[in-house]
PDB file of all heavy atoms in Angstrom:
ATOM      1  N   GLY A   1       8.331  -2.974  10.730  1.00  0.00           N
ATOM      2  CA  GLY A   1       7.681  -1.647  10.588  1.00  0.00           C
ATOM      3  C   GLY A   1       8.123  -1.102   9.207  1.00  0.00           C
ATOM      4  O   GLY A   1       7.275  -0.543   8.528  1.00  0.00           O
ATOM      5  N   SER A   2       9.446  -1.168   8.880  1.00  0.00           N
ATOM      6  CA  SER A   2       9.860  -0.427   7.596  1.00  0.00           C
ATOM      7  C   SER A   2       9.151  -1.102   6.381  1.00  0.00           C
ATOM      8  O   SER A   2       8.770  -0.362   5.449  1.00  0.00           O
ATOM      9  CB  SER A   2      11.305  -0.580   7.419  1.00  0.00           C
ATOM     10  OG  SER A   2      11.761  -2.012   7.313  1.00  0.00           O
ATOM     11  N   THR A   3       9.006  -2.415   6.340  1.00  0.00           N
ATOM     12  CA  THR A   3       8.275  -3.027   5.257  1.00  0.00           C
ATOM     13  C   THR A   3       6.784  -2.640   5.183  1.00  0.00           C
ATOM     14  O   THR A   3       6.369  -2.382   4.121  1.00  0.00           O
ATOM     15  CB  THR A   3       8.383  -4.647   5.317  1.00  0.00           C
ATOM     16  OG1 THR A   3       9.846  -4.986   5.416  1.00  0.00           O
ATOM     17  CG2 THR A   3       7.795  -5.326   4.095  1.00  0.00           C
ATOM     18  N   ARG A   4       6.149  -2.588   6.293  1.00  0.00           N
ATOM     19  CA  ARG A   4       4.815  -2.132   6.335  1.00  0.00           C
ATOM     20  C   ARG A   4       4.723  -0.752   5.929  1.00  0.00           C
ATOM     21  O   ARG A   4       3.701  -0.388   5.162  1.00  0.00           O
ATOM     22  CB  ARG A   4       4.218  -2.296   7.731  1.00  0.00           C
ATOM     23  CG  ARG A   4       4.131  -3.708   8.269  1.00  0.00           C
ATOM     24  CD  ARG A   4       3.869  -3.749   9.773  1.00  0.00           C
ATOM     25  NE  ARG A   4       3.912  -5.103  10.263  1.00  0.00           N
ATOM     26  CZ  ARG A   4       3.908  -5.488  11.482  1.00  0.00           C
ATOM     27  NH1 ARG A   4       3.889  -4.518  12.358  1.00  0.00           N
ATOM     28  NH2 ARG A   4       3.957  -6.729  11.868  1.00  0.00           N
ATOM     29  N   GLU A   5       5.525   0.092   6.234  1.00  0.00           N
ATOM     30  CA  GLU A   5       5.526   1.551   5.833  1.00  0.00           C
ATOM     31  C   GLU A   5       5.673   1.667   4.323  1.00  0.00           C
ATOM     32  O   GLU A   5       5.085   2.399   3.647  1.00  0.00           O
ATOM     33  CB  GLU A   5       6.672   2.315   6.556  1.00  0.00           C
ATOM     34  CG  GLU A   5       6.230   2.558   8.056  1.00  0.00           C
ATOM     35  CD  GLU A   5       7.473   3.033   8.785  1.00  0.00           C
ATOM     36  OE1 GLU A   5       8.544   3.379   8.142  1.00  0.00           O
ATOM     37  OE2 GLU A   5       7.390   3.155  10.097  1.00  0.00           O
ATOM     38  N   ARG A   6       6.624   0.869   3.715  1.00  0.00           N
ATOM     39  CA  ARG A   6       6.777   0.876   2.289  1.00  0.00           C
ATOM     40  C   ARG A   6       5.528   0.385   1.551  1.00  0.00           C
ATOM     41  O   ARG A   6       5.144   0.972   0.519  1.00  0.00           O
ATOM     42  CB  ARG A   6       7.930  -0.044   1.813  1.00  0.00           C
ATOM     43  CG  ARG A   6       9.334   0.497   2.212  1.00  0.00           C
ATOM     44  CD  ARG A   6      10.407  -0.112   1.467  1.00  0.00           C
ATOM     45  NE  ARG A   6      10.508  -1.589   1.747  1.00  0.00           N
ATOM     46  CZ  ARG A   6      11.250  -2.146   2.651  1.00  0.00           C
ATOM     47  NH1 ARG A   6      11.855  -1.359   3.507  1.00  0.00           N
ATOM     48  NH2 ARG A   6      11.217  -3.384   2.761  1.00  0.00           N
ATOM     49  N   THR A   7       4.867  -0.654   2.098  1.00  0.00           N
ATOM     50  CA  THR A   7       3.558  -1.022   1.542  1.00  0.00           C
ATOM     51  C   THR A   7       2.594  -0.015   1.543  1.00  0.00           C
ATOM     52  O   THR A   7       1.860   0.299   0.549  1.00  0.00           O
ATOM     53  CB  THR A   7       3.062  -2.337   2.270  1.00  0.00           C
ATOM     54  OG1 THR A   7       4.059  -3.404   2.149  1.00  0.00           O
ATOM     55  CG2 THR A   7       1.782  -2.864   1.690  1.00  0.00           C
ATOM     56  N   HIS A   8       2.330   0.653   2.751  1.00  0.00           N
ATOM     57  CA  HIS A   8       1.411   1.632   2.843  1.00  0.00           C
ATOM     58  C   HIS A   8       1.666   2.838   1.971  1.00  0.00           C
ATOM     59  O   HIS A   8       0.743   3.316   1.368  1.00  0.00           O
ATOM     60  CB  HIS A   8       1.402   2.058   4.320  1.00  0.00           C
ATOM     61  CG  HIS A   8       0.164   2.870   4.734  1.00  0.00           C
ATOM     62  ND1 HIS A   8      -1.003   2.320   5.164  1.00  0.00           N
ATOM     63  CD2 HIS A   8      -0.136   4.167   4.530  1.00  0.00           C
ATOM     64  CE1 HIS A   8      -1.973   3.251   5.445  1.00  0.00           C
ATOM     65  NE2 HIS A   8      -1.465   4.394   5.014  1.00  0.00           N
ATOM     66  N   ALA A   9       2.978   3.172   1.862  1.00  0.00           N
ATOM     67  CA  ALA A   9       3.335   4.297   1.018  1.00  0.00           C
ATOM     68  C   ALA A   9       3.070   4.032  -0.441  1.00  0.00           C
ATOM     69  O   ALA A   9       2.541   4.883  -1.238  1.00  0.00           O
ATOM     70  CB  ALA A   9       4.778   4.703   1.071  1.00  0.00           C
ATOM     71  N   THR A  10       3.306   2.801  -0.970  1.00  0.00           N
ATOM     72  CA  THR A  10       3.002   2.392  -2.345  1.00  0.00           C
ATOM     73  C   THR A  10       1.475   2.351  -2.614  1.00  0.00           C
ATOM     74  O   THR A  10       1.003   2.916  -3.630  1.00  0.00           O
ATOM     75  CB  THR A  10       3.660   0.969  -2.545  1.00  0.00           C
ATOM     76  OG1 THR A  10       5.127   1.016  -2.286  1.00  0.00           O
ATOM     77  CG2 THR A  10       3.386   0.573  -4.045  1.00  0.00           C
ATOM     78  N   VAL A  11       0.735   1.896  -1.656  1.00  0.00           N
ATOM     79  CA  VAL A  11      -0.644   1.832  -1.822  1.00  0.00           C
ATOM     80  C   VAL A  11      -1.248   3.229  -1.874  1.00  0.00           C
ATOM     81  O   VAL A  11      -2.101   3.525  -2.751  1.00  0.00           O
ATOM     82  CB  VAL A  11      -1.324   0.981  -0.738  1.00  0.00           C
ATOM     83  CG1 VAL A  11      -2.848   1.124  -0.685  1.00  0.00           C
ATOM     84  CG2 VAL A  11      -0.960  -0.527  -0.834  1.00  0.00           C
ATOM     85  N   GLU A  12      -0.793   4.058  -0.991  1.00  0.00           N
ATOM     86  CA  GLU A  12      -1.403   5.458  -0.922  1.00  0.00           C
ATOM     87  C   GLU A  12      -1.049   6.169  -2.317  1.00  0.00           C
ATOM     88  O   GLU A  12      -1.849   6.866  -2.865  1.00  0.00           O
ATOM     89  CB  GLU A  12      -0.804   6.210   0.192  1.00  0.00           C
ATOM     90  CG  GLU A  12      -1.361   6.030   1.519  1.00  0.00           C
ATOM     91  CD  GLU A  12      -1.064   7.047   2.577  1.00  0.00           C
ATOM     92  OE1 GLU A  12       0.129   7.456   2.562  1.00  0.00           O
ATOM     93  OE2 GLU A  12      -2.042   7.488   3.364  1.00  0.00           O
ATOM     94  N   ARG A  13       0.177   5.944  -2.862  1.00  0.00           N
ATOM     95  CA  ARG A  13       0.555   6.615  -4.072  1.00  0.00           C
ATOM     96  C   ARG A  13      -0.363   6.017  -5.171  1.00  0.00           C
ATOM     97  O   ARG A  13      -0.694   6.791  -6.112  1.00  0.00           O
ATOM     98  CB  ARG A  13       2.061   6.333  -4.453  1.00  0.00           C
ATOM     99  CG  ARG A  13       2.547   7.024  -5.608  1.00  0.00           C
ATOM    100  CD  ARG A  13       3.972   6.947  -5.873  1.00  0.00           C
ATOM    101  NE  ARG A  13       4.386   7.642  -7.177  1.00  0.00           N
ATOM    102  CZ  ARG A  13       5.570   7.462  -7.665  1.00  0.00           C
ATOM    103  NH1 ARG A  13       6.558   6.982  -7.023  1.00  0.00           N
ATOM    104  NH2 ARG A  13       5.821   8.047  -8.836  1.00  0.00           N
ATOM    105  N   ILE A  14      -0.514   4.738  -5.163  1.00  0.00           N
ATOM    106  CA  ILE A  14      -1.502   4.196  -6.258  1.00  0.00           C
ATOM    107  C   ILE A  14      -2.923   4.907  -6.164  1.00  0.00           C
ATOM    108  O   ILE A  14      -3.473   5.305  -7.164  1.00  0.00           O
ATOM    109  CB  ILE A  14      -1.672   2.723  -6.083  1.00  0.00           C
ATOM    110  CG1 ILE A  14      -0.316   2.008  -6.470  1.00  0.00           C
ATOM    111  CG2 ILE A  14      -2.803   2.173  -6.958  1.00  0.00           C
ATOM    112  CD1 ILE A  14      -0.337   0.464  -6.096  1.00  0.00           C
ATOM    113  N   VAL A  15      -3.409   5.086  -4.920  1.00  0.00           N
ATOM    114  CA  VAL A  15      -4.737   5.751  -4.719  1.00  0.00           C
ATOM    115  C   VAL A  15      -4.689   7.177  -5.260  1.00  0.00           C
ATOM    116  O   VAL A  15      -5.564   7.599  -5.983  1.00  0.00           O
ATOM    117  CB  VAL A  15      -5.118   5.766  -3.239  1.00  0.00           C
ATOM    118  CG1 VAL A  15      -6.363   6.618  -3.018  1.00  0.00           C
ATOM    119  CG2 VAL A  15      -5.422   4.305  -2.720  1.00  0.00           C
ATOM    120  N   LYS A  16      -3.622   7.922  -4.963  1.00  0.00           N
ATOM    121  CA  LYS A  16      -3.490   9.290  -5.299  1.00  0.00           C
ATOM    122  C   LYS A  16      -3.187   9.618  -6.725  1.00  0.00           C
ATOM    123  O   LYS A  16      -3.699  10.583  -7.261  1.00  0.00           O
ATOM    124  CB  LYS A  16      -2.484   9.988  -4.378  1.00  0.00           C
ATOM    125  CG  LYS A  16      -2.881  10.005  -2.853  1.00  0.00           C
ATOM    126  CD  LYS A  16      -1.749  10.651  -2.103  1.00  0.00           C
ATOM    127  CE  LYS A  16      -2.068  10.690  -0.553  1.00  0.00           C
ATOM    128  NZ  LYS A  16      -0.984  11.212   0.210  1.00  0.00           N
ATOM    129  N   GLU A  17      -2.299   8.669  -7.405  1.00  0.00           N
ATOM    130  CA  GLU A  17      -1.721   9.030  -8.719  1.00  0.00           C
ATOM    131  C   GLU A  17      -2.376   8.333  -9.845  1.00  0.00           C
ATOM    132  O   GLU A  17      -1.971   8.584 -11.052  1.00  0.00           O
ATOM    133  CB  GLU A  17      -0.265   9.015  -8.578  1.00  0.00           C
ATOM    134  CG  GLU A  17       0.432   9.818  -7.635  1.00  0.00           C
ATOM    135  CD  GLU A  17       1.891   9.806  -7.663  1.00  0.00           C
ATOM    136  OE1 GLU A  17       2.436   9.304  -8.573  1.00  0.00           O
ATOM    137  OE2 GLU A  17       2.547  10.283  -6.721  1.00  0.00           O
ATOM    138  N   THR A  18      -3.115   7.259  -9.524  1.00  0.00           N
ATOM    139  CA  THR A  18      -3.692   6.426 -10.605  1.00  0.00           C
ATOM    140  C   THR A  18      -5.173   6.168 -10.431  1.00  0.00           C
ATOM    141  O   THR A  18      -5.807   6.592  -9.403  1.00  0.00           O
ATOM    142  CB  THR A  18      -3.002   5.037 -10.641  1.00  0.00           C
ATOM    143  OG1 THR A  18      -3.620   4.174  -9.619  1.00  0.00           O
ATOM    144  CG2 THR A  18      -1.556   5.091 -10.479  1.00  0.00           C
ATOM    145  N   ARG A  19      -5.777   5.580 -11.410  1.00  0.00           N
ATOM    146  CA  ARG A  19      -7.175   5.162 -11.257  1.00  0.00           C
ATOM    147  C   ARG A  19      -7.285   3.720 -10.981  1.00  0.00           C
ATOM    148  O   ARG A  19      -8.372   3.122 -10.980  1.00  0.00           O
ATOM    149  CB  ARG A  19      -7.958   5.396 -12.587  1.00  0.00           C
ATOM    150  CG  ARG A  19      -8.011   6.947 -13.021  1.00  0.00           C
ATOM    151  CD  ARG A  19      -8.700   7.105 -14.342  1.00  0.00           C
ATOM    152  NE  ARG A  19      -8.851   8.493 -14.685  1.00  0.00           N
ATOM    153  CZ  ARG A  19      -9.513   8.968 -15.738  1.00  0.00           C
ATOM    154  NH1 ARG A  19     -10.039   8.068 -16.517  1.00  0.00           N
ATOM    155  NH2 ARG A  19      -9.500  10.289 -15.995  1.00  0.00           N
ATOM    156  N   LEU A  20      -6.219   3.044 -10.571  1.00  0.00           N
ATOM    157  CA  LEU A  20      -6.280   1.660 -10.239  1.00  0.00           C
ATOM    158  C   LEU A  20      -6.881   1.440  -8.898  1.00  0.00           C
ATOM    159  O   LEU A  20      -6.780   2.348  -7.994  1.00  0.00           O
ATOM    160  CB  LEU A  20      -4.804   1.093 -10.313  1.00  0.00           C
ATOM    161  CG  LEU A  20      -4.119   1.099 -11.558  1.00  0.00           C
ATOM    162  CD1 LEU A  20      -2.543   0.834 -11.414  1.00  0.00           C
ATOM    163  CD2 LEU A  20      -4.771   0.234 -12.675  1.00  0.00           C
ATOM    164  N   ALA A  21      -7.460   0.208  -8.612  1.00  0.00           N
ATOM    165  CA  ALA A  21      -8.005  -0.127  -7.388  1.00  0.00           C
ATOM    166  C   ALA A  21      -6.893  -0.943  -6.652  1.00  0.00           C
ATOM    167  O   ALA A  21      -6.648  -2.095  -7.047  1.00  0.00           O
ATOM    168  CB  ALA A  21      -9.271  -0.979  -7.604  1.00  0.00           C
ATOM    169  N   PRO A  22      -6.349  -0.383  -5.609  1.00  0.00           N
ATOM    170  CA  PRO A  22      -5.243  -1.136  -4.970  1.00  0.00           C
ATOM    171  C   PRO A  22      -5.875  -2.199  -3.958  1.00  0.00           C
ATOM    172  O   PRO A  22      -6.935  -1.874  -3.274  1.00  0.00           O
ATOM    173  CB  PRO A  22      -4.474  -0.093  -4.314  1.00  0.00           C
ATOM    174  CG  PRO A  22      -5.478   1.026  -3.922  1.00  0.00           C
ATOM    175  CD  PRO A  22      -6.455   0.942  -5.038  1.00  0.00           C
ATOM    176  N   ALA A  23      -5.218  -3.269  -3.799  1.00  0.00           N
ATOM    177  CA  ALA A  23      -5.532  -4.244  -2.753  1.00  0.00           C
ATOM    178  C   ALA A  23      -4.256  -4.426  -1.854  1.00  0.00           C
ATOM    179  O   ALA A  23      -3.238  -4.844  -2.352  1.00  0.00           O
ATOM    180  CB  ALA A  23      -5.967  -5.645  -3.379  1.00  0.00           C
ATOM    181  N   ALA A  24      -4.347  -4.060  -0.587  1.00  0.00           N
ATOM    182  CA  ALA A  24      -3.197  -3.986   0.288  1.00  0.00           C
ATOM    183  C   ALA A  24      -3.069  -5.299   1.062  1.00  0.00           C
ATOM    184  O   ALA A  24      -4.085  -5.774   1.560  1.00  0.00           O
ATOM    185  CB  ALA A  24      -3.284  -2.911   1.227  1.00  0.00           C
ATOM    186  N   HIS A  25      -1.971  -6.019   0.922  1.00  0.00           N
ATOM    187  CA  HIS A  25      -1.744  -7.239   1.619  1.00  0.00           C
ATOM    188  C   HIS A  25      -1.539  -6.904   3.173  1.00  0.00           C
ATOM    189  O   HIS A  25      -1.065  -5.828   3.531  1.00  0.00           O
ATOM    190  CB  HIS A  25      -0.432  -7.927   1.199  1.00  0.00           C
ATOM    191  CG  HIS A  25      -0.531  -8.696  -0.094  1.00  0.00           C
ATOM    192  ND1 HIS A  25       0.046  -9.889  -0.461  1.00  0.00           N
ATOM    193  CD2 HIS A  25      -1.147  -8.314  -1.260  1.00  0.00           C
ATOM    194  CE1 HIS A  25      -0.238 -10.204  -1.647  1.00  0.00           C
ATOM    195  NE2 HIS A  25      -0.989  -9.249  -2.124  1.00  0.00           N
ATOM    196  N   LEU A  26      -2.054  -7.851   3.964  1.00  0.00           N
ATOM    197  CA  LEU A  26      -1.982  -7.634   5.363  1.00  0.00           C
ATOM    198  C   LEU A  26      -1.746  -9.047   6.044  1.00  0.00           C
ATOM    199  O   LEU A  26      -2.456  -9.991   5.675  1.00  0.00           O
ATOM    200  CB  LEU A  26      -3.210  -6.932   5.836  1.00  0.00           C
ATOM    201  CG  LEU A  26      -3.189  -6.573   7.418  1.00  0.00           C
ATOM    202  CD1 LEU A  26      -2.118  -5.515   7.718  1.00  0.00           C
ATOM    203  CD2 LEU A  26      -4.685  -6.016   7.802  1.00  0.00           C
ATOM    204  N   THR A  27      -0.900  -9.094   7.055  1.00  0.00           N
ATOM    205  CA  THR A  27      -0.528 -10.332   7.715  1.00  0.00           C
ATOM    206  C   THR A  27      -0.719 -10.189   9.186  1.00  0.00           C
ATOM    207  O   THR A  27      -0.833  -9.142   9.758  1.00  0.00           O
ATOM    208  CB  THR A  27       0.823 -10.920   7.463  1.00  0.00           C
ATOM    209  OG1 THR A  27       1.714 -10.108   8.150  1.00  0.00           O
ATOM    210  CG2 THR A  27       1.161 -10.801   5.977  1.00  0.00           C
ATOM    211  N   CYS A  28      -0.745 -11.419   9.888  1.00  0.00           N
ATOM    212  CA  CYS A  28      -0.863 -11.432  11.313  1.00  0.00           C
ATOM    213  C   CYS A  28       0.546 -11.421  11.964  1.00  0.00           C
ATOM    214  O   CYS A  28       0.572 -11.348  13.201  1.00  0.00           O
ATOM    215  CB  CYS A  28      -1.596 -12.758  11.719  1.00  0.00           C
ATOM    216  SG  CYS A  28      -3.041 -13.162  10.959  1.00  0.00           S
ATOM    217  N   VAL A  29       1.563 -11.495  11.247  1.00  0.00           N
ATOM    218  CA  VAL A  29       2.943 -11.782  11.768  1.00  0.00           C
ATOM    219  C   VAL A  29       3.487 -10.595  12.631  1.00  0.00           C
ATOM    220  O   VAL A  29       3.440  -9.455  12.270  1.00  0.00           O
ATOM    221  CB  VAL A  29       3.930 -12.112  10.572  1.00  0.00           C
ATOM    222  CG1 VAL A  29       5.262 -12.260  11.166  1.00  0.00           C
ATOM    223  CG2 VAL A  29       3.419 -13.382   9.876  1.00  0.00           C
TER     224      VAL A  29
END
């Protein structure tokens, strides 16, 4: 859970604060 939350937080910040197009990694594990 903690790793997933950090990924989501990083991706959300990229969306909100930059013009970059983020690609979020996602696994089945």
